[in-house]
Amino acid sequence: MTTRTMRRSRVSSSSELTRQTTATGAFALLLAACLFASAAPAVAQDPAVARRNLRLPLPDFFTGTPNTYWSVPAMGANTPGGFGAGWGDFYVGLGGTSRARFQDENFSDADAAAAFGLGFGDPIRNIGFEVTVNSYSTFEHQFFTRSGIDFHVHRQFLGDFSAAVGWENAITSGEPDAGESFYFVVSKWTSLREDPNKPFSALLVTGGLGNGRFRSQQNVDDDVETVNVFGSVALRVLAPLSLVADWTGQDLTAVASVAPFRNVSLLLLGGFADITGNTGDEGGARFVASISYGLSLRG
């Protein structure tokens, strides 16, 4: 493998860490922070939640007494989803990996990335717009000396569908990890049980098309500009626990996420990336983990 190939693979690995953090924070924020941070009784008092109840047949757990429900654990890993943050929503996260792709398993090859983002607009009435700022390779460089800004435009539809288009690394500084990527993605949320506190209460299925980092590893190495499919399936196994299987376009990631607190959208995620070896990395699966927090700034 050439030095050029190894470098491209290494930086794309760090980029995936940030996407993992972003997907975790943004989706959890949408489904949890705005609804469960308040301790008000009866139906949630957030005006945006009231609009949702009037306009769309939302999952059952969007109504009821907020402090009786757990925050929603992460329902995404390394790929974007069709849902996103709206006006006043904020999220922040930090992710790490035991080693970068195609590197030996030792501490010097561990890497980390950080991200924070804000939501704008109203995806129920019209369009939601999400902006995420990423800091890459934080073990090797200071925060935000290598950075990129992502844009995610999304809209929710009847039947608990949501679709989005996105532009990753639209604005960069320093030597950012990987180049820009464009994507289109659709997600479908399904409530499997009337009570979300019961086991196996919800399922999220996501599928999309993208270029850039979503291309196969072979196409990345050969500089072939094309598009590729990606997707994920997430199951809420218990109220505070979810399992996620995520195909990044290059390899499989499998993670578990825990929401340890009922009314706080603090999420923990851990699992393994590059499980199938489809990228050609002979080092085997890599351990990945992240922590994220979501908050609604709306009154």
C-alpha atoms as a PDB file:
ATOM      1  CA  MET A   1       0.000   0.000   0.000  1.00  0.00           C
ATOM      2  CA  THR A   2       1.360   3.429  -0.929  1.00  0.00           C
ATOM      3  CA  THR A   3       1.992   6.226   1.568  1.00  0.00           C
ATOM      4  CA  ARG A   4      -0.690   8.257  -0.193  1.00  0.00           C
ATOM      5  CA  THR A   5      -3.216   5.447   0.245  1.00  0.00           C
ATOM      6  CA  MET A   6      -2.327   4.964   3.910  1.00  0.00           C
ATOM      7  CA  ARG A   7      -2.690   8.679   4.646  1.00  0.00           C
ATOM      8  CA  ARG A   8      -6.048   8.901   2.891  1.00  0.00           C
ATOM      9  CA  SER A   9      -7.273   5.869   4.801  1.00  0.00           C
ATOM     10  CA  ARG A  10      -6.017   7.256   8.113  1.00  0.00           C
ATOM     11  CA  VAL A  11      -7.710  10.615   7.760  1.00  0.00           C
ATOM     12  CA  SER A  12     -10.954   9.071   6.564  1.00  0.00           C
ATOM     13  CA  SER A  13     -10.933   6.991   9.749  1.00  0.00           C
ATOM     14  CA  SER A  14     -10.723  10.117  11.889  1.00  0.00           C
ATOM     15  CA  SER A  15     -13.465  11.692   9.800  1.00  0.00           C
ATOM     16  CA  GLU A  16     -15.717   8.720  10.542  1.00  0.00           C
ATOM     17  CA  LEU A  17     -15.215   9.347  14.263  1.00  0.00           C
ATOM     18  CA  THR A  18     -16.632  12.809  13.932  1.00  0.00           C
ATOM     19  CA  ARG A  19     -19.573  11.546  11.864  1.00  0.00           C
ATOM     20  CA  GLN A  20     -20.247   8.992  14.606  1.00  0.00           C
ATOM     21  CA  THR A  21     -20.302  11.785  17.188  1.00  0.00           C
ATOM     22  CA  THR A  22     -22.494  13.970  14.996  1.00  0.00           C
ATOM     23  CA  ALA A  23     -25.020  11.272  14.167  1.00  0.00           C
ATOM     24  CA  THR A  24     -25.282  10.319  17.811  1.00  0.00           C
ATOM     25  CA  GLY A  25     -25.793  13.880  19.037  1.00  0.00           C
ATOM     26  CA  ALA A  26     -28.113  15.157  16.329  1.00  0.00           C
ATOM     27  CA  PHE A  27     -30.573  12.294  16.192  1.00  0.00           C
ATOM     28  CA  ALA A  28     -30.687  11.895  19.951  1.00  0.00           C
ATOM     29  CA  LEU A  29     -31.245  15.613  20.254  1.00  0.00           C
ATOM     30  CA  LEU A  30     -34.243  15.490  17.941  1.00  0.00           C
ATOM     31  CA  LEU A  31     -35.863  12.531  19.651  1.00  0.00           C
ATOM     32  CA  ALA A  32     -34.886  13.237  23.230  1.00  0.00           C
ATOM     33  CA  ALA A  33     -33.486  16.551  24.403  1.00  0.00           C
ATOM     34  CA  CYS A  34     -36.384  18.747  23.327  1.00  0.00           C
ATOM     35  CA  LEU A  35     -38.939  16.411  24.839  1.00  0.00           C
ATOM     36  CA  PHE A  36     -37.415  15.066  28.025  1.00  0.00           C
ATOM     37  CA  ALA A  37     -35.318  17.906  29.411  1.00  0.00           C
ATOM     38  CA  SER A  38     -38.478  19.526  30.781  1.00  0.00           C
ATOM     39  CA  ALA A  39     -40.108  18.176  33.926  1.00  0.00           C
ATOM     40  CA  ALA A  40     -43.538  19.634  33.123  1.00  0.00           C
ATOM     41  CA  PRO A  41     -46.461  17.219  33.567  1.00  0.00           C
ATOM     42  CA  ALA A  42     -48.948  16.094  30.909  1.00  0.00           C
ATOM     43  CA  VAL A  43     -48.215  16.833  27.260  1.00  0.00           C
ATOM     44  CA  ALA A  44     -44.798  18.404  26.595  1.00  0.00           C
ATOM     45  CA  GLN A  45     -45.079  22.189  26.631  1.00  0.00           C
ATOM     46  CA  ASP A  46     -42.539  23.000  23.926  1.00  0.00           C
ATOM     47  CA  PRO A  47     -44.441  24.818  21.102  1.00  0.00           C
ATOM     48  CA  ALA A  48     -42.546  22.796  18.521  1.00  0.00           C
ATOM     49  CA  VAL A  49     -43.758  19.594  20.151  1.00  0.00           C
ATOM     50  CA  ALA A  50     -47.321  20.905  20.125  1.00  0.00           C
ATOM     51  CA  ARG A  51     -47.041  21.611  16.398  1.00  0.00           C
ATOM     52  CA  ARG A  52     -45.762  18.107  15.817  1.00  0.00           C
ATOM     53  CA  ASN A  53     -48.733  16.604  17.630  1.00  0.00           C
ATOM     54  CA  LEU A  54     -51.121  18.645  15.500  1.00  0.00           C
ATOM     55  CA  ARG A  55     -49.476  18.084  12.129  1.00  0.00           C
ATOM     56  CA  LEU A  56     -47.976  14.601  12.157  1.00  0.00           C
ATOM     57  CA  PRO A  57     -48.775  11.173  13.644  1.00  0.00           C
ATOM     58  CA  LEU A  58     -45.683  11.049  15.853  1.00  0.00           C
ATOM     59  CA  PRO A  59     -44.478   8.072  17.894  1.00  0.00           C
ATOM     60  CA  ASP A  60     -46.497   7.598  21.053  1.00  0.00           C
ATOM     61  CA  PHE A  61     -43.694   8.512  23.439  1.00  0.00           C
ATOM     62  CA  PHE A  62     -43.702  12.124  22.180  1.00  0.00           C
ATOM     63  CA  THR A  63     -46.658  12.716  24.510  1.00  0.00           C
ATOM     64  CA  GLY A  64     -47.155  11.858  28.160  1.00  0.00           C
ATOM     65  CA  THR A  65     -45.269  12.790  31.310  1.00  0.00           C
ATOM     66  CA  PRO A  66     -41.642  13.511  30.297  1.00  0.00           C
ATOM     67  CA  ASN A  67     -40.070  12.265  33.530  1.00  0.00           C
ATOM     68  CA  THR A  68     -41.645   8.816  33.086  1.00  0.00           C
ATOM     69  CA  TYR A  69     -39.573   8.112  29.954  1.00  0.00           C
ATOM     70  CA  TRP A  70     -35.911   7.548  29.330  1.00  0.00           C
ATOM     71  CA  SER A  71     -33.999   9.778  26.934  1.00  0.00           C
ATOM     72  CA  VAL A  72     -33.666   8.080  23.571  1.00  0.00           C
ATOM     73  CA  PRO A  73     -30.287   6.332  23.140  1.00  0.00           C
ATOM     74  CA  ALA A  74     -28.294   6.912  19.965  1.00  0.00           C
ATOM     75  CA  MET A  75     -29.983   5.539  16.842  1.00  0.00           C
ATOM     76  CA  GLY A  76     -27.068   6.165  14.465  1.00  0.00           C
ATOM     77  CA  ALA A  77     -23.337   5.530  14.200  1.00  0.00           C
ATOM     78  CA  ASN A  78     -21.041   6.455  11.294  1.00  0.00           C
ATOM     79  CA  THR A  79     -23.556   7.585   8.685  1.00  0.00           C
ATOM     80  CA  PRO A  80     -26.011  10.501   8.538  1.00  0.00           C
ATOM     81  CA  GLY A  81     -29.756  10.120   9.013  1.00  0.00           C
ATOM     82  CA  GLY A  82     -32.834  11.768   7.584  1.00  0.00           C
ATOM     83  CA  PHE A  83     -33.709  13.505  10.861  1.00  0.00           C
ATOM     84  CA  GLY A  84     -31.885  16.504  12.273  1.00  0.00           C
ATOM     85  CA  ALA A  85     -31.865  19.398  14.707  1.00  0.00           C
ATOM     86  CA  GLY A  86     -34.232  22.385  14.516  1.00  0.00           C
ATOM     87  CA  TRP A  87     -34.226  25.947  15.784  1.00  0.00           C
ATOM     88  CA  GLY A  88     -32.571  26.309  19.190  1.00  0.00           C
ATOM     89  CA  ASP A  89     -31.229  22.753  19.337  1.00  0.00           C
ATOM     90  CA  PHE A  90     -27.579  22.245  20.267  1.00  0.00           C
ATOM     91  CA  TYR A  91     -25.326  19.201  20.558  1.00  0.00           C
ATOM     92  CA  VAL A  92     -21.695  18.456  21.334  1.00  0.00           C
ATOM     93  CA  GLY A  93     -19.677  15.246  21.325  1.00  0.00           C
ATOM     94  CA  LEU A  94     -16.296  13.544  21.445  1.00  0.00           C
ATOM     95  CA  GLY A  95     -15.369  10.276  19.752  1.00  0.00           C
ATOM     96  CA  GLY A  96     -12.277   8.071  19.724  1.00  0.00           C
ATOM     97  CA  THR A  97     -10.848   4.921  18.153  1.00  0.00           C
ATOM     98  CA  SER A  98      -8.242   2.427  19.330  1.00  0.00           C
ATOM     99  CA  ARG A  99      -6.322   2.926  16.079  1.00  0.00           C
ATOM    100  CA  ALA A 100      -6.737   4.550  12.700  1.00  0.00           C
ATOM    101  CA  ARG A 101      -7.433   2.339   9.717  1.00  0.00           C
ATOM    102  CA  PHE A 102      -4.348   0.486   8.366  1.00  0.00           C
ATOM    103  CA  GLN A 103      -2.316   1.350  11.482  1.00  0.00           C
ATOM    104  CA  ASP A 104      -0.868  -0.953  14.144  1.00  0.00           C
ATOM    105  CA  GLU A 105      -2.730  -1.527  17.400  1.00  0.00           C
ATOM    106  CA  ASN A 106      -0.857   0.686  19.850  1.00  0.00           C
ATOM    107  CA  PHE A 107      -1.574   3.879  21.735  1.00  0.00           C
ATOM    108  CA  SER A 108       0.364   6.105  19.325  1.00  0.00           C
ATOM    109  CA  ASP A 109      -2.103   5.187  16.576  1.00  0.00           C
ATOM    110  CA  ALA A 110      -5.218   5.993  18.620  1.00  0.00           C
ATOM    111  CA  ASP A 111      -7.157   8.993  17.386  1.00  0.00           C
ATOM    112  CA  ALA A 112     -10.070  11.189  18.400  1.00  0.00           C
ATOM    113  CA  ALA A 113     -12.351  13.865  16.999  1.00  0.00           C
ATOM    114  CA  ALA A 114     -14.807  16.382  18.432  1.00  0.00           C
ATOM    115  CA  ALA A 115     -17.895  18.113  17.088  1.00  0.00           C
ATOM    116  CA  PHE A 116     -20.570  20.612  18.063  1.00  0.00           C
ATOM    117  CA  GLY A 117     -23.608  21.776  16.143  1.00  0.00           C
ATOM    118  CA  LEU A 118     -26.693  23.970  16.060  1.00  0.00           C
ATOM    119  CA  GLY A 119     -30.095  23.572  14.469  1.00  0.00           C
ATOM    120  CA  PHE A 120     -32.158  26.184  12.636  1.00  0.00           C
ATOM    121  CA  GLY A 121     -35.591  26.299  11.041  1.00  0.00           C
ATOM    122  CA  ASP A 122     -38.560  23.974  11.548  1.00  0.00           C
ATOM    123  CA  PRO A 123     -38.483  20.601   9.723  1.00  0.00           C
ATOM    124  CA  ILE A 124     -42.205  20.091  10.448  1.00  0.00           C
ATOM    125  CA  ARG A 125     -43.534  23.342   8.971  1.00  0.00           C
ATOM    126  CA  ASN A 126     -40.908  23.796   6.259  1.00  0.00           C
ATOM    127  CA  ILE A 127     -37.174  22.981   6.414  1.00  0.00           C
ATOM    128  CA  GLY A 128     -34.662  22.260   9.152  1.00  0.00           C
ATOM    129  CA  PHE A 129     -31.043  23.323   8.760  1.00  0.00           C
ATOM    130  CA  GLU A 130     -28.215  21.879  10.835  1.00  0.00           C
ATOM    131  CA  VAL A 131     -24.621  23.129  11.014  1.00  0.00           C
ATOM    132  CA  THR A 132     -21.849  21.015  12.555  1.00  0.00           C
ATOM    133  CA  VAL A 133     -18.264  22.088  13.262  1.00  0.00           C
ATOM    134  CA  ASN A 134     -15.764  19.213  13.418  1.00  0.00           C
ATOM    135  CA  SER A 135     -12.276  19.053  14.909  1.00  0.00           C
ATOM    136  CA  TYR A 136     -10.144  16.230  13.478  1.00  0.00           C
ATOM    137  CA  SER A 137      -7.100  14.309  14.740  1.00  0.00           C
ATOM    138  CA  THR A 138      -7.242  15.767  18.237  1.00  0.00           C
ATOM    139  CA  PHE A 139      -4.573  13.368  19.575  1.00  0.00           C
ATOM    140  CA  GLU A 140      -1.997  14.647  17.097  1.00  0.00           C
ATOM    141  CA  HIS A 141      -3.050  18.303  16.794  1.00  0.00           C
ATOM    142  CA  GLN A 142      -4.680  21.001  18.881  1.00  0.00           C
ATOM    143  CA  PHE A 143      -8.441  21.384  18.769  1.00  0.00           C
ATOM    144  CA  PHE A 144      -9.765  22.904  15.535  1.00  0.00           C
ATOM    145  CA  THR A 145      -6.362  23.250  13.874  1.00  0.00           C
ATOM    146  CA  ARG A 146      -7.771  20.698  11.431  1.00  0.00           C
ATOM    147  CA  SER A 147     -11.477  21.297  11.062  1.00  0.00           C
ATOM    148  CA  GLY A 148     -14.452  21.096   8.748  1.00  0.00           C
ATOM    149  CA  ILE A 149     -18.007  22.421   8.729  1.00  0.00           C
ATOM    150  CA  ASP A 150     -20.956  20.292   7.607  1.00  0.00           C
ATOM    151  CA  PHE A 151     -24.422  21.340   6.424  1.00  0.00           C
ATOM    152  CA  HIS A 152     -27.495  19.111   6.772  1.00  0.00           C
ATOM    153  CA  VAL A 153     -30.907  20.175   5.370  1.00  0.00           C
ATOM    154  CA  HIS A 154     -33.855  18.002   6.397  1.00  0.00           C
ATOM    155  CA  ARG A 155     -37.642  17.716   6.227  1.00  0.00           C
ATOM    156  CA  GLN A 156     -40.107  15.468   8.090  1.00  0.00           C
ATOM    157  CA  PHE A 157     -43.098  13.875   6.370  1.00  0.00           C
ATOM    158  CA  LEU A 158     -46.248  11.946   7.245  1.00  0.00           C
ATOM    159  CA  GLY A 159     -45.675   8.403   8.411  1.00  0.00           C
ATOM    160  CA  ASP A 160     -42.596   9.214  10.540  1.00  0.00           C
ATOM    161  CA  PHE A 161     -40.351   9.595   7.502  1.00  0.00           C
ATOM    162  CA  SER A 162     -37.648  12.211   7.214  1.00  0.00           C
ATOM    163  CA  ALA A 163     -35.333  13.013   4.302  1.00  0.00           C
ATOM    164  CA  ALA A 164     -32.158  15.073   4.134  1.00  0.00           C
ATOM    165  CA  VAL A 165     -29.415  16.279   1.843  1.00  0.00           C
ATOM    166  CA  GLY A 166     -25.994  17.090   3.216  1.00  0.00           C
ATOM    167  CA  TRP A 167     -22.600  18.542   2.421  1.00  0.00           C
ATOM    168  CA  GLU A 168     -19.750  17.385   4.652  1.00  0.00           C
ATOM    169  CA  ASN A 169     -16.523  19.400   4.920  1.00  0.00           C
ATOM    170  CA  ALA A 170     -18.131  22.225   2.953  1.00  0.00           C
ATOM    171  CA  ILE A 171     -15.791  24.691   4.675  1.00  0.00           C
ATOM    172  CA  THR A 172     -12.384  23.555   5.930  1.00  0.00           C
ATOM    173  CA  SER A 173      -9.287  24.886   7.650  1.00  0.00           C
ATOM    174  CA  GLY A 174      -5.814  23.487   8.157  1.00  0.00           C
ATOM    175  CA  GLU A 175      -5.433  20.033   6.636  1.00  0.00           C
ATOM    176  CA  PRO A 176      -8.843  18.470   7.262  1.00  0.00           C
ATOM    177  CA  ASP A 177      -9.401  14.751   7.334  1.00  0.00           C
ATOM    178  CA  ALA A 178     -10.784  13.592   3.990  1.00  0.00           C
ATOM    179  CA  GLY A 179     -12.427  15.785   1.370  1.00  0.00           C
ATOM    180  CA  GLU A 180     -15.973  16.951   0.883  1.00  0.00           C
ATOM    181  CA  SER A 181     -18.899  14.537   0.560  1.00  0.00           C
ATOM    182  CA  PHE A 182     -22.467  15.018  -0.652  1.00  0.00           C
ATOM    183  CA  TYR A 183     -25.348  12.722   0.258  1.00  0.00           C
ATOM    184  CA  PHE A 184     -29.082  12.134   0.131  1.00  0.00           C
ATOM    185  CA  VAL A 185     -30.667  10.053   2.896  1.00  0.00           C
ATOM    186  CA  VAL A 186     -34.104   8.889   4.065  1.00  0.00           C
ATOM    187  CA  SER A 187     -34.999   7.547   7.523  1.00  0.00           C
ATOM    188  CA  LYS A 188     -38.133   5.778   8.764  1.00  0.00           C
ATOM    189  CA  TRP A 189     -39.010   5.653  12.480  1.00  0.00           C
ATOM    190  CA  THR A 190     -41.348   2.838  13.573  1.00  0.00           C
ATOM    191  CA  SER A 191     -42.860   2.529  17.050  1.00  0.00           C
ATOM    192  CA  LEU A 192     -43.107  -1.185  17.804  1.00  0.00           C
ATOM    193  CA  ARG A 193     -44.817  -0.826  21.183  1.00  0.00           C
ATOM    194  CA  GLU A 194     -47.269   1.613  22.676  1.00  0.00           C
ATOM    195  CA  ASP A 195     -45.102   2.037  25.763  1.00  0.00           C
ATOM    196  CA  PRO A 196     -41.506   3.060  24.871  1.00  0.00           C
ATOM    197  CA  ASN A 197     -40.304   1.841  28.275  1.00  0.00           C
ATOM    198  CA  LYS A 198     -40.953  -1.753  27.229  1.00  0.00           C
ATOM    199  CA  PRO A 199     -38.318  -3.861  25.426  1.00  0.00           C
ATOM    200  CA  PHE A 200     -38.000  -3.597  21.640  1.00  0.00           C
ATOM    201  CA  SER A 201     -40.090  -0.437  21.495  1.00  0.00           C
ATOM    202  CA  ALA A 202     -38.785   1.247  18.321  1.00  0.00           C
ATOM    203  CA  LEU A 203     -36.927   0.691  15.067  1.00  0.00           C
ATOM    204  CA  LEU A 204     -35.126   3.166  12.821  1.00  0.00           C
ATOM    205  CA  VAL A 205     -34.165   2.215   9.251  1.00  0.00           C
ATOM    206  CA  THR A 206     -31.998   4.535   7.163  1.00  0.00           C
ATOM    207  CA  GLY A 207     -30.729   4.385   3.587  1.00  0.00           C
ATOM    208  CA  GLY A 208     -28.851   6.817   1.392  1.00  0.00           C
ATOM    209  CA  LEU A 209     -26.538   7.578  -1.510  1.00  0.00           C
ATOM    210  CA  GLY A 210     -23.332   9.579  -1.275  1.00  0.00           C
ATOM    211  CA  ASN A 211     -19.945  10.270  -2.804  1.00  0.00           C
ATOM    212  CA  GLY A 212     -16.671  11.177  -1.072  1.00  0.00           C
ATOM    213  CA  ARG A 213     -16.225   9.111   2.080  1.00  0.00           C
ATOM    214  CA  PHE A 214     -19.174   6.881   1.193  1.00  0.00           C
ATOM    215  CA  ARG A 215     -17.323   5.386  -1.783  1.00  0.00           C
ATOM    216  CA  SER A 216     -15.757   1.932  -1.525  1.00  0.00           C
ATOM    217  CA  GLN A 217     -12.198   1.844  -0.198  1.00  0.00           C
ATOM    218  CA  GLN A 218     -10.986   0.727  -3.618  1.00  0.00           C
ATOM    219  CA  ASN A 219     -12.580   3.722  -5.330  1.00  0.00           C
ATOM    220  CA  VAL A 220     -11.105   6.046  -2.695  1.00  0.00           C
ATOM    221  CA  ASP A 221      -7.621   4.587  -3.232  1.00  0.00           C
ATOM    222  CA  ASP A 222      -7.949   4.836  -7.017  1.00  0.00           C
ATOM    223  CA  ASP A 223      -9.434   8.371  -6.954  1.00  0.00           C
ATOM    224  CA  VAL A 224     -12.570   7.146  -8.734  1.00  0.00           C
ATOM    225  CA  GLU A 225     -15.358   9.708  -8.373  1.00  0.00           C
ATOM    226  CA  THR A 226     -18.603   7.811  -7.947  1.00  0.00           C
ATOM    227  CA  VAL A 227     -21.548   7.353  -5.580  1.00  0.00           C
ATOM    228  CA  ASN A 228     -22.259   4.475  -3.260  1.00  0.00           C
ATOM    229  CA  VAL A 229     -25.019   3.248  -0.960  1.00  0.00           C
ATOM    230  CA  PHE A 230     -24.935   3.456   2.824  1.00  0.00           C
ATOM    231  CA  GLY A 231     -27.463   2.678   5.519  1.00  0.00           C
ATOM    232  CA  SER A 232     -28.207   1.590   9.057  1.00  0.00           C
ATOM    233  CA  VAL A 233     -30.694  -0.270  11.225  1.00  0.00           C
ATOM    234  CA  ALA A 234     -31.170   0.708  14.864  1.00  0.00           C
ATOM    235  CA  LEU A 235     -33.303  -1.088  17.439  1.00  0.00           C
ATOM    236  CA  ARG A 236     -34.286   0.316  20.823  1.00  0.00           C
ATOM    237  CA  VAL A 237     -33.799  -2.895  22.791  1.00  0.00           C
ATOM    238  CA  LEU A 238     -34.579  -1.392  26.209  1.00  0.00           C
ATOM    239  CA  ALA A 239     -35.704   2.103  27.161  1.00  0.00           C
ATOM    240  CA  PRO A 240     -32.109   3.299  27.770  1.00  0.00           C
ATOM    241  CA  LEU A 241     -30.338   0.887  25.358  1.00  0.00           C
ATOM    242  CA  SER A 242     -30.103   0.637  21.576  1.00  0.00           C
ATOM    243  CA  LEU A 243     -28.172  -1.540  19.125  1.00  0.00           C
ATOM    244  CA  VAL A 244     -27.052  -0.134  15.762  1.00  0.00           C
ATOM    245  CA  ALA A 245     -25.703  -1.847  12.632  1.00  0.00           C
ATOM    246  CA  ASP A 246     -24.270   0.664  10.174  1.00  0.00           C
ATOM    247  CA  TRP A 247     -22.915   0.131   6.629  1.00  0.00           C
ATOM    248  CA  THR A 248     -20.733   3.142   5.827  1.00  0.00           C
ATOM    249  CA  GLY A 249     -20.311   2.333   2.140  1.00  0.00           C
ATOM    250  CA  GLN A 250     -16.944   0.781   2.963  1.00  0.00           C
ATOM    251  CA  ASP A 251     -17.452  -1.570   5.910  1.00  0.00           C
ATOM    252  CA  LEU A 252     -19.747  -2.531   8.772  1.00  0.00           C
ATOM    253  CA  THR A 253     -19.904  -0.781  12.151  1.00  0.00           C
ATOM    254  CA  ALA A 254     -21.826  -2.293  15.061  1.00  0.00           C
ATOM    255  CA  VAL A 255     -22.361  -0.353  18.292  1.00  0.00           C
ATOM    256  CA  ALA A 256     -24.465  -0.190  21.426  1.00  0.00           C
ATOM    257  CA  SER A 257     -25.654   3.063  22.967  1.00  0.00           C
ATOM    258  CA  VAL A 258     -26.819   3.836  26.496  1.00  0.00           C
ATOM    259  CA  ALA A 259     -28.777   6.845  27.763  1.00  0.00           C
ATOM    260  CA  PRO A 260     -27.934   6.625  31.490  1.00  0.00           C
ATOM    261  CA  PHE A 261     -30.332   9.338  32.674  1.00  0.00           C
ATOM    262  CA  ARG A 262     -34.073   9.710  32.227  1.00  0.00           C
ATOM    263  CA  ASN A 263     -34.290  13.433  31.533  1.00  0.00           C
ATOM    264  CA  VAL A 264     -30.783  14.288  30.343  1.00  0.00           C
ATOM    265  CA  SER A 265     -29.735  13.680  26.746  1.00  0.00           C
ATOM    266  CA  LEU A 266     -26.265  12.444  27.643  1.00  0.00           C
ATOM    267  CA  LEU A 267     -25.428   9.457  25.458  1.00  0.00           C
ATOM    268  CA  LEU A 268     -22.654   6.875  25.567  1.00  0.00           C
ATOM    269  CA  LEU A 269     -21.764   4.746  22.546  1.00  0.00           C
ATOM    270  CA  GLY A 270     -19.272   1.936  22.036  1.00  0.00           C
ATOM    271  CA  GLY A 271     -18.611  -0.819  19.527  1.00  0.00           C
ATOM    272  CA  PHE A 272     -16.471  -1.900  16.606  1.00  0.00           C
ATOM    273  CA  ALA A 273     -15.799  -0.528  13.121  1.00  0.00           C
ATOM    274  CA  ASP A 274     -14.534  -2.302   9.986  1.00  0.00           C
ATOM    275  CA  ILE A 275     -15.915  -5.620  11.174  1.00  0.00           C
ATOM    276  CA  THR A 276     -16.077  -7.443   7.825  1.00  0.00           C
ATOM    277  CA  GLY A 277     -12.573  -6.531   6.631  1.00  0.00           C
ATOM    278  CA  ASN A 278     -14.037  -5.240   3.382  1.00  0.00           C
ATOM    279  CA  THR A 279     -11.613  -2.285   3.402  1.00  0.00           C
ATOM    280  CA  GLY A 280      -8.608  -4.592   3.253  1.00  0.00           C
ATOM    281  CA  ASP A 281      -7.335  -3.552   6.678  1.00  0.00           C
ATOM    282  CA  GLU A 282      -5.522  -6.625   7.998  1.00  0.00           C
ATOM    283  CA  GLY A 283      -5.523  -5.240  11.525  1.00  0.00           C
ATOM    284  CA  GLY A 284      -9.100  -6.369  12.076  1.00  0.00           C
ATOM    285  CA  ALA A 285     -11.994  -4.567  13.685  1.00  0.00           C
ATOM    286  CA  ARG A 286     -11.282  -1.310  15.546  1.00  0.00           C
ATOM    287  CA  PHE A 287     -12.850  -0.292  18.845  1.00  0.00           C
ATOM    288  CA  VAL A 288     -14.750   3.013  18.679  1.00  0.00           C
ATOM    289  CA  ALA A 289     -16.518   5.006  21.382  1.00  0.00           C
ATOM    290  CA  SER A 290     -18.159   8.388  21.835  1.00  0.00           C
ATOM    291  CA  ILE A 291     -19.973  10.557  24.338  1.00  0.00           C
ATOM    292  CA  SER A 292     -22.458  13.263  23.322  1.00  0.00           C
ATOM    293  CA  TYR A 293     -24.902  15.692  24.873  1.00  0.00           C
ATOM    294  CA  GLY A 294     -27.946  17.405  23.366  1.00  0.00           C
ATOM    295  CA  LEU A 295     -29.892  20.382  24.617  1.00  0.00           C
ATOM    296  CA  SER A 296     -32.809  22.530  23.465  1.00  0.00           C
ATOM    297  CA  LEU A 297     -32.306  26.263  23.975  1.00  0.00           C
ATOM    298  CA  ARG A 298     -35.915  27.035  23.131  1.00  0.00           C
ATOM    299  CA  GLY A 299     -38.209  28.414  25.813  1.00  0.00           C
END
